[in-house]
Amino acid sequence: MTDRRDITLQIGESEFTFGLAPQDVTKYFNAVTPTNKVAPSNNLLTTTVRAEQLADLRPLLGNPVLTLQIAGALLEDYSPDIEVIVKKPSVAPNA
């Protein structure tokens, strides 16, 4: 996986390009808590969007549900497309 990826999201009629690096995602996950989800999502979006698009993005982030939805879409696209399967241990019969 490369260090940085540019991801473009269409939100309504506008397109926004975000530049995500592993440290951005790590900082986001470390900041999210059961009682603090919107602020880390807002920070992720405002610090990774192209500078010239920030002023257009800010009004959209006034709605906390939309903020979480945009961050979720961004993180979903950033995630590598790798299948992960949890293998259950085989139960050995007692002798």
PDB file of N, CA and C in Angstrom:
ATOM      1  N   MET A   1       0.845  -1.177   0.000  1.00  0.00           N
ATOM      2  CA  MET A   1       0.000   0.000   0.000  1.00  0.00           C
ATOM      3  C   MET A   1       0.893   1.244   0.000  1.00  0.00           C
ATOM      4  N   THR A   2       0.510   2.205  -0.810  1.00  0.00           N
ATOM      5  CA  THR A   2       1.310   3.426  -0.875  1.00  0.00           C
ATOM      6  C   THR A   2       1.099   4.258   0.379  1.00  0.00           C
ATOM      7  N   ASP A   3       1.986   5.179   0.603  1.00  0.00           N
ATOM      8  CA  ASP A   3       1.904   6.014   1.794  1.00  0.00           C
ATOM      9  C   ASP A   3       0.710   6.965   1.769  1.00  0.00           C
ATOM     10  N   ARG A   4       0.384   7.503   0.609  1.00  0.00           N
ATOM     11  CA  ARG A   4      -0.669   8.512   0.522  1.00  0.00           C
ATOM     12  C   ARG A   4      -1.562   8.201  -0.665  1.00  0.00           C
ATOM     13  N   ARG A   5      -2.873   8.383  -0.462  1.00  0.00           N
ATOM     14  CA  ARG A   5      -3.827   8.178  -1.557  1.00  0.00           C
ATOM     15  C   ARG A   5      -4.744   9.371  -1.661  1.00  0.00           C
ATOM     16  N   ASP A   6      -4.996   9.804  -2.875  1.00  0.00           N
ATOM     17  CA  ASP A   6      -5.990  10.837  -3.128  1.00  0.00           C
ATOM     18  C   ASP A   6      -7.309  10.146  -3.439  1.00  0.00           C
ATOM     19  N   ILE A   7      -8.359  10.555  -2.736  1.00  0.00           N
ATOM     20  CA  ILE A   7      -9.688   9.974  -2.906  1.00  0.00           C
ATOM     21  C   ILE A   7     -10.652  11.121  -3.165  1.00  0.00           C
ATOM     22  N   THR A   8     -11.426  11.009  -4.232  1.00  0.00           N
ATOM     23  CA  THR A   8     -12.409  12.031  -4.570  1.00  0.00           C
ATOM     24  C   THR A   8     -13.799  11.509  -4.258  1.00  0.00           C
ATOM     25  N   LEU A   9     -14.547  12.289  -3.490  1.00  0.00           N
ATOM     26  CA  LEU A   9     -15.929  11.963  -3.155  1.00  0.00           C
ATOM     27  C   LEU A   9     -16.839  13.007  -3.777  1.00  0.00           C
ATOM     28  N   GLN A  10     -17.937  12.559  -4.345  1.00  0.00           N
ATOM     29  CA  GLN A  10     -18.954  13.491  -4.808  1.00  0.00           C
ATOM     30  C   GLN A  10     -19.986  13.598  -3.701  1.00  0.00           C
ATOM     31  N   ILE A  11     -20.194  14.807  -3.223  1.00  0.00           N
ATOM     32  CA  ILE A  11     -21.147  15.079  -2.146  1.00  0.00           C
ATOM     33  C   ILE A  11     -22.154  16.060  -2.718  1.00  0.00           C
ATOM     34  N   GLY A  12     -23.350  15.571  -2.964  1.00  0.00           N
ATOM     35  CA  GLY A  12     -24.335  16.400  -3.657  1.00  0.00           C
ATOM     36  C   GLY A  12     -23.840  16.679  -5.067  1.00  0.00           C
ATOM     37  N   GLU A  13     -23.762  17.928  -5.414  1.00  0.00           N
ATOM     38  CA  GLU A  13     -23.298  18.322  -6.750  1.00  0.00           C
ATOM     39  C   GLU A  13     -21.806  18.651  -6.778  1.00  0.00           C
ATOM     40  N   SER A  14     -21.147  18.596  -5.625  1.00  0.00           N
ATOM     41  CA  SER A  14     -19.743  19.007  -5.542  1.00  0.00           C
ATOM     42  C   SER A  14     -18.825  17.807  -5.369  1.00  0.00           C
ATOM     43  N   GLU A  15     -17.600  17.949  -5.875  1.00  0.00           N
ATOM     44  CA  GLU A  15     -16.565  16.937  -5.679  1.00  0.00           C
ATOM     45  C   GLU A  15     -15.497  17.492  -4.749  1.00  0.00           C
ATOM     46  N   PHE A  16     -15.029  16.628  -3.857  1.00  0.00           N
ATOM     47  CA  PHE A  16     -13.972  16.989  -2.923  1.00  0.00           C
ATOM     48  C   PHE A  16     -12.900  15.920  -2.988  1.00  0.00           C
ATOM     49  N   THR A  17     -11.644  16.348  -3.020  1.00  0.00           N
ATOM     50  CA  THR A  17     -10.527  15.415  -3.051  1.00  0.00           C
ATOM     51  C   THR A  17      -9.783  15.487  -1.722  1.00  0.00           C
ATOM     52  N   PHE A  18      -9.591  14.314  -1.130  1.00  0.00           N
ATOM     53  CA  PHE A  18      -8.920  14.177   0.161  1.00  0.00           C
ATOM     54  C   PHE A  18      -7.628  13.403  -0.065  1.00  0.00           C
ATOM     55  N   GLY A  19      -6.569  13.829   0.599  1.00  0.00           N
ATOM     56  CA  GLY A  19      -5.297  13.123   0.545  1.00  0.00           C
ATOM     57  C   GLY A  19      -5.081  12.419   1.876  1.00  0.00           C
ATOM     58  N   LEU A  20      -5.219  11.101   1.870  1.00  0.00           N
ATOM     59  CA  LEU A  20      -5.091  10.324   3.107  1.00  0.00           C
ATOM     60  C   LEU A  20      -3.777   9.570   3.153  1.00  0.00           C
ATOM     61  N   ALA A  21      -3.155   9.608   4.305  1.00  0.00           N
ATOM     62  CA  ALA A  21      -1.940   8.840   4.584  1.00  0.00           C
ATOM     63  C   ALA A  21      -2.218   7.990   5.814  1.00  0.00           C
ATOM     64  N   PRO A  22      -1.456   6.934   6.025  1.00  0.00           N
ATOM     65  CA  PRO A  22      -1.694   6.074   7.187  1.00  0.00           C
ATOM     66  C   PRO A  22      -1.735   6.839   8.512  1.00  0.00           C
ATOM     67  N   GLN A  23      -0.903   7.856   8.664  1.00  0.00           N
ATOM     68  CA  GLN A  23      -0.897   8.604   9.927  1.00  0.00           C
ATOM     69  C   GLN A  23      -2.197   9.381  10.136  1.00  0.00           C
ATOM     70  N   ASP A  24      -2.855   9.811   9.053  1.00  0.00           N
ATOM     71  CA  ASP A  24      -4.143  10.498   9.175  1.00  0.00           C
ATOM     72  C   ASP A  24      -5.207   9.548   9.726  1.00  0.00           C
ATOM     73  N   VAL A  25      -5.216   8.348   9.191  1.00  0.00           N
ATOM     74  CA  VAL A  25      -6.201   7.355   9.620  1.00  0.00           C
ATOM     75  C   VAL A  25      -5.916   6.905  11.047  1.00  0.00           C
ATOM     76  N   THR A  26      -4.647   6.713  11.376  1.00  0.00           N
ATOM     77  CA  THR A  26      -4.281   6.318  12.737  1.00  0.00           C
ATOM     78  C   THR A  26      -4.690   7.392  13.737  1.00  0.00           C
ATOM     79  N   LYS A  27      -4.430   8.643  13.421  1.00  0.00           N
ATOM     80  CA  LYS A  27      -4.813   9.739  14.307  1.00  0.00           C
ATOM     81  C   LYS A  27      -6.322   9.763  14.506  1.00  0.00           C
ATOM     82  N   TYR A  28      -7.079   9.531  13.434  1.00  0.00           N
ATOM     83  CA  TYR A  28      -8.541   9.491  13.512  1.00  0.00           C
ATOM     84  C   TYR A  28      -8.996   8.368  14.443  1.00  0.00           C
ATOM     85  N   PHE A  29      -8.517   7.151  14.209  1.00  0.00           N
ATOM     86  CA  PHE A  29      -8.944   6.015  15.031  1.00  0.00           C
ATOM     87  C   PHE A  29      -8.558   6.197  16.496  1.00  0.00           C
ATOM     88  N   ASN A  30      -7.403   6.771  16.754  1.00  0.00           N
ATOM     89  CA  ASN A  30      -6.976   6.999  18.137  1.00  0.00           C
ATOM     90  C   ASN A  30      -7.828   8.058  18.839  1.00  0.00           C
ATOM     91  N   ALA A  31      -8.425   8.966  18.079  1.00  0.00           N
ATOM     92  CA  ALA A  31      -9.235  10.037  18.675  1.00  0.00           C
ATOM     93  C   ALA A  31     -10.697   9.643  18.887  1.00  0.00           C
ATOM     94  N   VAL A  32     -11.174   8.638  18.147  1.00  0.00           N
ATOM     95  CA  VAL A  32     -12.573   8.229  18.263  1.00  0.00           C
ATOM     96  C   VAL A  32     -12.785   7.473  19.570  1.00  0.00           C
ATOM     97  N   THR A  33     -13.812   7.896  20.313  1.00  0.00           N
ATOM     98  CA  THR A  33     -14.202   7.219  21.552  1.00  0.00           C
ATOM     99  C   THR A  33     -15.709   7.033  21.515  1.00  0.00           C
ATOM    100  N   PRO A  34     -16.265   6.264  22.444  1.00  0.00           N
ATOM    101  CA  PRO A  34     -17.726   6.087  22.448  1.00  0.00           C
ATOM    102  C   PRO A  34     -18.501   7.404  22.560  1.00  0.00           C
ATOM    103  N   THR A  35     -17.909   8.408  23.169  1.00  0.00           N
ATOM    104  CA  THR A  35     -18.601   9.683  23.326  1.00  0.00           C
ATOM    105  C   THR A  35     -18.024  10.799  22.448  1.00  0.00           C
ATOM    106  N   ASN A  36     -17.086  10.471  21.574  1.00  0.00           N
ATOM    107  CA  ASN A  36     -16.449  11.482  20.735  1.00  0.00           C
ATOM    108  C   ASN A  36     -16.194  10.909  19.344  1.00  0.00           C
ATOM    109  N   LYS A  37     -17.156  11.115  18.449  1.00  0.00           N
ATOM    110  CA  LYS A  37     -17.022  10.612  17.086  1.00  0.00           C
ATOM    111  C   LYS A  37     -17.043  11.731  16.047  1.00  0.00           C
ATOM    112  N   VAL A  38     -17.834  12.758  16.314  1.00  0.00           N
ATOM    113  CA  VAL A  38     -18.010  13.813  15.318  1.00  0.00           C
ATOM    114  C   VAL A  38     -16.749  14.668  15.179  1.00  0.00           C
ATOM    115  N   ALA A  39     -16.157  15.076  16.298  1.00  0.00           N
ATOM    116  CA  ALA A  39     -14.955  15.927  16.229  1.00  0.00           C
ATOM    117  C   ALA A  39     -13.802  15.241  15.490  1.00  0.00           C
ATOM    118  N   PRO A  40     -13.484  13.966  15.774  1.00  0.00           N
ATOM    119  CA  PRO A  40     -12.415  13.330  15.005  1.00  0.00           C
ATOM    120  C   PRO A  40     -12.749  13.223  13.511  1.00  0.00           C
ATOM    121  N   SER A  41     -14.027  12.987  13.190  1.00  0.00           N
ATOM    122  CA  SER A  41     -14.430  12.910  11.787  1.00  0.00           C
ATOM    123  C   SER A  41     -14.261  14.270  11.115  1.00  0.00           C
ATOM    124  N   ASN A  42     -14.693  15.320  11.797  1.00  0.00           N
ATOM    125  CA  ASN A  42     -14.530  16.685  11.288  1.00  0.00           C
ATOM    126  C   ASN A  42     -13.052  16.996  11.070  1.00  0.00           C
ATOM    127  N   ASN A  43     -12.219  16.649  12.041  1.00  0.00           N
ATOM    128  CA  ASN A  43     -10.778  16.915  11.928  1.00  0.00           C
ATOM    129  C   ASN A  43     -10.161  16.149  10.769  1.00  0.00           C
ATOM    130  N   LEU A  44     -10.553  14.887  10.591  1.00  0.00           N
ATOM    131  CA  LEU A  44     -10.031  14.087   9.481  1.00  0.00           C
ATOM    132  C   LEU A  44     -10.373  14.752   8.148  1.00  0.00           C
ATOM    133  N   LEU A  45     -11.615  15.159   8.005  1.00  0.00           N
ATOM    134  CA  LEU A  45     -12.054  15.750   6.740  1.00  0.00           C
ATOM    135  C   LEU A  45     -11.412  17.099   6.476  1.00  0.00           C
ATOM    136  N   THR A  46     -11.346  17.948   7.476  1.00  0.00           N
ATOM    137  CA  THR A  46     -10.816  19.301   7.252  1.00  0.00           C
ATOM    138  C   THR A  46      -9.301  19.322   7.087  1.00  0.00           C
ATOM    139  N   THR A  47      -8.608  18.333   7.632  1.00  0.00           N
ATOM    140  CA  THR A  47      -7.146  18.328   7.494  1.00  0.00           C
ATOM    141  C   THR A  47      -6.663  17.568   6.262  1.00  0.00           C
ATOM    142  N   THR A  48      -7.556  16.816   5.616  1.00  0.00           N
ATOM    143  CA  THR A  48      -7.115  16.035   4.459  1.00  0.00           C
ATOM    144  C   THR A  48      -7.719  16.513   3.140  1.00  0.00           C
ATOM    145  N   VAL A  49      -8.751  17.389   3.191  1.00  0.00           N
ATOM    146  CA  VAL A  49      -9.329  17.906   1.957  1.00  0.00           C
ATOM    147  C   VAL A  49      -8.342  18.888   1.322  1.00  0.00           C
ATOM    148  N   ARG A  50      -8.402  19.018   0.015  1.00  0.00           N
ATOM    149  CA  ARG A  50      -7.545  20.004  -0.655  1.00  0.00           C
ATOM    150  C   ARG A  50      -7.841  21.389  -0.096  1.00  0.00           C
ATOM    151  N   ALA A  51      -6.802  22.143   0.128  1.00  0.00           N
ATOM    152  CA  ALA A  51      -6.930  23.459   0.774  1.00  0.00           C
ATOM    153  C   ALA A  51      -7.931  24.364   0.067  1.00  0.00           C
ATOM    154  N   GLU A  52      -7.938  24.333  -1.251  1.00  0.00           N
ATOM    155  CA  GLU A  52      -8.842  25.214  -1.997  1.00  0.00           C
ATOM    156  C   GLU A  52     -10.307  24.768  -1.912  1.00  0.00           C
ATOM    157  N   GLN A  53     -10.568  23.576  -1.378  1.00  0.00           N
ATOM    158  CA  GLN A  53     -11.934  23.077  -1.254  1.00  0.00           C
ATOM    159  C   GLN A  53     -12.477  23.175   0.175  1.00  0.00           C
ATOM    160  N   LEU A  54     -11.643  23.555   1.116  1.00  0.00           N
ATOM    161  CA  LEU A  54     -12.037  23.584   2.526  1.00  0.00           C
ATOM    162  C   LEU A  54     -13.224  24.512   2.790  1.00  0.00           C
ATOM    163  N   ALA A  55     -13.215  25.693   2.217  1.00  0.00           N
ATOM    164  CA  ALA A  55     -14.306  26.650   2.452  1.00  0.00           C
ATOM    165  C   ALA A  55     -15.645  26.097   1.967  1.00  0.00           C
ATOM    166  N   ASP A  56     -15.645  25.324   0.892  1.00  0.00           N
ATOM    167  CA  ASP A  56     -16.882  24.729   0.376  1.00  0.00           C
ATOM    168  C   ASP A  56     -17.320  23.522   1.204  1.00  0.00           C
ATOM    169  N   LEU A  57     -16.365  22.842   1.828  1.00  0.00           N
ATOM    170  CA  LEU A  57     -16.680  21.664   2.636  1.00  0.00           C
ATOM    171  C   LEU A  57     -17.258  22.038   3.999  1.00  0.00           C
ATOM    172  N   ARG A  58     -16.741  23.095   4.597  1.00  0.00           N
ATOM    173  CA  ARG A  58     -17.132  23.469   5.974  1.00  0.00           C
ATOM    174  C   ARG A  58     -18.647  23.549   6.212  1.00  0.00           C
ATOM    175  N   PRO A  59     -19.444  24.178   5.337  1.00  0.00           N
ATOM    176  CA  PRO A  59     -20.887  24.240   5.595  1.00  0.00           C
ATOM    177  C   PRO A  59     -21.545  22.856   5.684  1.00  0.00           C
ATOM    178  N   LEU A  60     -21.021  21.898   4.943  1.00  0.00           N
ATOM    179  CA  LEU A  60     -21.576  20.541   4.982  1.00  0.00           C
ATOM    180  C   LEU A  60     -21.319  19.869   6.326  1.00  0.00           C
ATOM    181  N   LEU A  61     -20.252  20.276   6.997  1.00  0.00           N
ATOM    182  CA  LEU A  61     -19.864  19.637   8.248  1.00  0.00           C
ATOM    183  C   LEU A  61     -20.644  20.175   9.444  1.00  0.00           C
ATOM    184  N   GLY A  62     -21.578  21.083   9.203  1.00  0.00           N
ATOM    185  CA  GLY A  62     -22.442  21.573  10.270  1.00  0.00           C
ATOM    186  C   GLY A  62     -23.449  20.523  10.719  1.00  0.00           C
ATOM    187  N   ASN A  63     -23.721  19.547   9.867  1.00  0.00           N
ATOM    188  CA  ASN A  63     -24.628  18.455  10.203  1.00  0.00           C
ATOM    189  C   ASN A  63     -23.783  17.264  10.668  1.00  0.00           C
ATOM    190  N   PRO A  64     -23.873  16.872  11.945  1.00  0.00           N
ATOM    191  CA  PRO A  64     -23.010  15.808  12.451  1.00  0.00           C
ATOM    192  C   PRO A  64     -23.228  14.454  11.771  1.00  0.00           C
ATOM    193  N   VAL A  65     -24.457  14.186  11.351  1.00  0.00           N
ATOM    194  CA  VAL A  65     -24.715  12.911  10.668  1.00  0.00           C
ATOM    195  C   VAL A  65     -24.008  12.892   9.320  1.00  0.00           C
ATOM    196  N   LEU A  66     -24.070  13.995   8.596  1.00  0.00           N
ATOM    197  CA  LEU A  66     -23.387  14.075   7.304  1.00  0.00           C
ATOM    198  C   LEU A  66     -21.877  14.003   7.484  1.00  0.00           C
ATOM    199  N   THR A  67     -21.371  14.619   8.536  1.00  0.00           N
ATOM    200  CA  THR A  67     -19.934  14.554   8.829  1.00  0.00           C
ATOM    201  C   THR A  67     -19.488  13.113   8.995  1.00  0.00           C
ATOM    202  N   LEU A  68     -20.242  12.342   9.785  1.00  0.00           N
ATOM    203  CA  LEU A  68     -19.898  10.928   9.989  1.00  0.00           C
ATOM    204  C   LEU A  68     -20.049  10.127   8.700  1.00  0.00           C
ATOM    205  N   GLN A  69     -21.067  10.441   7.920  1.00  0.00           N
ATOM    206  CA  GLN A  69     -21.302   9.734   6.665  1.00  0.00           C
ATOM    207  C   GLN A  69     -20.156   9.971   5.674  1.00  0.00           C
ATOM    208  N   ILE A  70     -19.704  11.214   5.570  1.00  0.00           N
ATOM    209  CA  ILE A  70     -18.608  11.535   4.652  1.00  0.00           C
ATOM    210  C   ILE A  70     -17.322  10.853   5.113  1.00  0.00           C
ATOM    211  N   ALA A  71     -17.020  10.938   6.401  1.00  0.00           N
ATOM    212  CA  ALA A  71     -15.812  10.290   6.928  1.00  0.00           C
ATOM    213  C   ALA A  71     -15.877   8.789   6.711  1.00  0.00           C
ATOM    214  N   GLY A  72     -17.050   8.195   6.920  1.00  0.00           N
ATOM    215  CA  GLY A  72     -17.209   6.756   6.706  1.00  0.00           C
ATOM    216  C   GLY A  72     -16.960   6.362   5.260  1.00  0.00           C
ATOM    217  N   ALA A  73     -17.497   7.137   4.325  1.00  0.00           N
ATOM    218  CA  ALA A  73     -17.282   6.859   2.903  1.00  0.00           C
ATOM    219  C   ALA A  73     -15.809   6.986   2.541  1.00  0.00           C
ATOM    220  N   LEU A  74     -15.152   7.985   3.096  1.00  0.00           N
ATOM    221  CA  LEU A  74     -13.727   8.205   2.831  1.00  0.00           C
ATOM    222  C   LEU A  74     -12.897   7.032   3.344  1.00  0.00           C
ATOM    223  N   LEU A  75     -13.167   6.611   4.574  1.00  0.00           N
ATOM    224  CA  LEU A  75     -12.409   5.507   5.165  1.00  0.00           C
ATOM    225  C   LEU A  75     -12.701   4.187   4.461  1.00  0.00           C
ATOM    226  N   GLU A  76     -13.936   3.995   4.027  1.00  0.00           N
ATOM    227  CA  GLU A  76     -14.286   2.766   3.312  1.00  0.00           C
ATOM    228  C   GLU A  76     -13.509   2.668   2.009  1.00  0.00           C
ATOM    229  N   ASP A  77     -13.388   3.782   1.295  1.00  0.00           N
ATOM    230  CA  ASP A  77     -12.641   3.757   0.049  1.00  0.00           C
ATOM    231  C   ASP A  77     -11.146   3.604   0.296  1.00  0.00           C
ATOM    232  N   TYR A  78     -10.657   4.124   1.404  1.00  0.00           N
ATOM    233  CA  TYR A  78      -9.225   4.032   1.730  1.00  0.00           C
ATOM    234  C   TYR A  78      -8.814   2.597   2.080  1.00  0.00           C
ATOM    235  N   SER A  79      -9.748   1.858   2.641  1.00  0.00           N
ATOM    236  CA  SER A  79      -9.451   0.499   3.088  1.00  0.00           C
ATOM    237  C   SER A  79      -9.032  -0.386   1.920  1.00  0.00           C
ATOM    238  N   PRO A  80      -8.003  -1.202   2.114  1.00  0.00           N
ATOM    239  CA  PRO A  80      -7.603  -2.105   1.040  1.00  0.00           C
ATOM    240  C   PRO A  80      -8.682  -3.162   0.821  1.00  0.00           C
ATOM    241  N   ASP A  81      -8.777  -3.639  -0.399  1.00  0.00           N
ATOM    242  CA  ASP A  81      -9.771  -4.643  -0.756  1.00  0.00           C
ATOM    243  C   ASP A  81      -9.172  -6.030  -0.535  1.00  0.00           C
ATOM    244  N   ILE A  82      -9.109  -6.411   0.722  1.00  0.00           N
ATOM    245  CA  ILE A  82      -8.532  -7.700   1.105  1.00  0.00           C
ATOM    246  C   ILE A  82      -9.551  -8.443   1.950  1.00  0.00           C
ATOM    247  N   GLU A  83      -9.778  -9.694   1.625  1.00  0.00           N
ATOM    248  CA  GLU A  83     -10.719 -10.501   2.397  1.00  0.00           C
ATOM    249  C   GLU A  83     -10.025 -11.008   3.651  1.00  0.00           C
ATOM    250  N   VAL A  84     -10.689 -10.835   4.781  1.00  0.00           N
ATOM    251  CA  VAL A  84     -10.172 -11.302   6.063  1.00  0.00           C
ATOM    252  C   VAL A  84     -11.154 -12.338   6.598  1.00  0.00           C
ATOM    253  N   ILE A  85     -10.655 -13.517   6.912  1.00  0.00           N
ATOM    254  CA  ILE A  85     -11.494 -14.601   7.427  1.00  0.00           C
ATOM    255  C   ILE A  85     -10.933 -15.032   8.771  1.00  0.00           C
ATOM    256  N   VAL A  86     -11.810 -15.132   9.748  1.00  0.00           N
ATOM    257  CA  VAL A  86     -11.411 -15.613  11.061  1.00  0.00           C
ATOM    258  C   VAL A  86     -11.585 -17.120  11.063  1.00  0.00           C
ATOM    259  N   LYS A  87     -10.518 -17.811  11.317  1.00  0.00           N
ATOM    260  CA  LYS A  87     -10.565 -19.275  11.366  1.00  0.00           C
ATOM    261  C   LYS A  87     -10.831 -19.703  12.797  1.00  0.00           C
ATOM    262  N   LYS A  88     -11.822 -20.546  12.955  1.00  0.00           N
ATOM    263  CA  LYS A  88     -12.149 -21.075  14.285  1.00  0.00           C
ATOM    264  C   LYS A  88     -11.239 -22.269  14.542  1.00  0.00           C
ATOM    265  N   PRO A  89     -10.759 -22.383  15.791  1.00  0.00           N
ATOM    266  CA  PRO A  89      -9.909 -23.537  16.099  1.00  0.00           C
ATOM    267  C   PRO A  89     -10.759 -24.819  16.058  1.00  0.00           C
ATOM    268  N   SER A  90     -10.153 -25.873  15.593  1.00  0.00           N
ATOM    269  CA  SER A  90     -10.885 -27.142  15.558  1.00  0.00           C
ATOM    270  C   SER A  90     -10.937 -27.682  16.984  1.00  0.00           C
ATOM    271  N   VAL A  91     -12.050 -28.284  17.296  1.00  0.00           N
ATOM    272  CA  VAL A  91     -12.231 -28.843  18.637  1.00  0.00           C
ATOM    273  C   VAL A  91     -11.744 -30.278  18.599  1.00  0.00           C
ATOM    274  N   ALA A  92     -10.717 -30.536  19.382  1.00  0.00           N
ATOM    275  CA  ALA A  92     -10.173 -31.898  19.454  1.00  0.00           C
ATOM    276  C   ALA A  92     -10.992 -32.698  20.446  1.00  0.00           C
ATOM    277  N   PRO A  93     -11.379 -33.921  20.083  1.00  0.00           N
ATOM    278  CA  PRO A  93     -12.140 -34.750  21.029  1.00  0.00           C
ATOM    279  C   PRO A  93     -11.283 -35.110  22.247  1.00  0.00           C
ATOM    280  N   ASN A  94     -11.938 -35.114  23.389  1.00  0.00           N
ATOM    281  CA  ASN A  94     -11.231 -35.503  24.609  1.00  0.00           C
ATOM    282  C   ASN A  94     -10.981 -37.004  24.600  1.00  0.00           C
ATOM    283  N   ALA A  95      -9.790 -37.413  24.978  1.00  0.00           N
ATOM    284  CA  ALA A  95      -9.442 -38.839  24.974  1.00  0.00           C
ATOM    285  C   ALA A  95      -9.698 -39.493  26.297  1.00  0.00           C
TER     286      ALA A  95
END
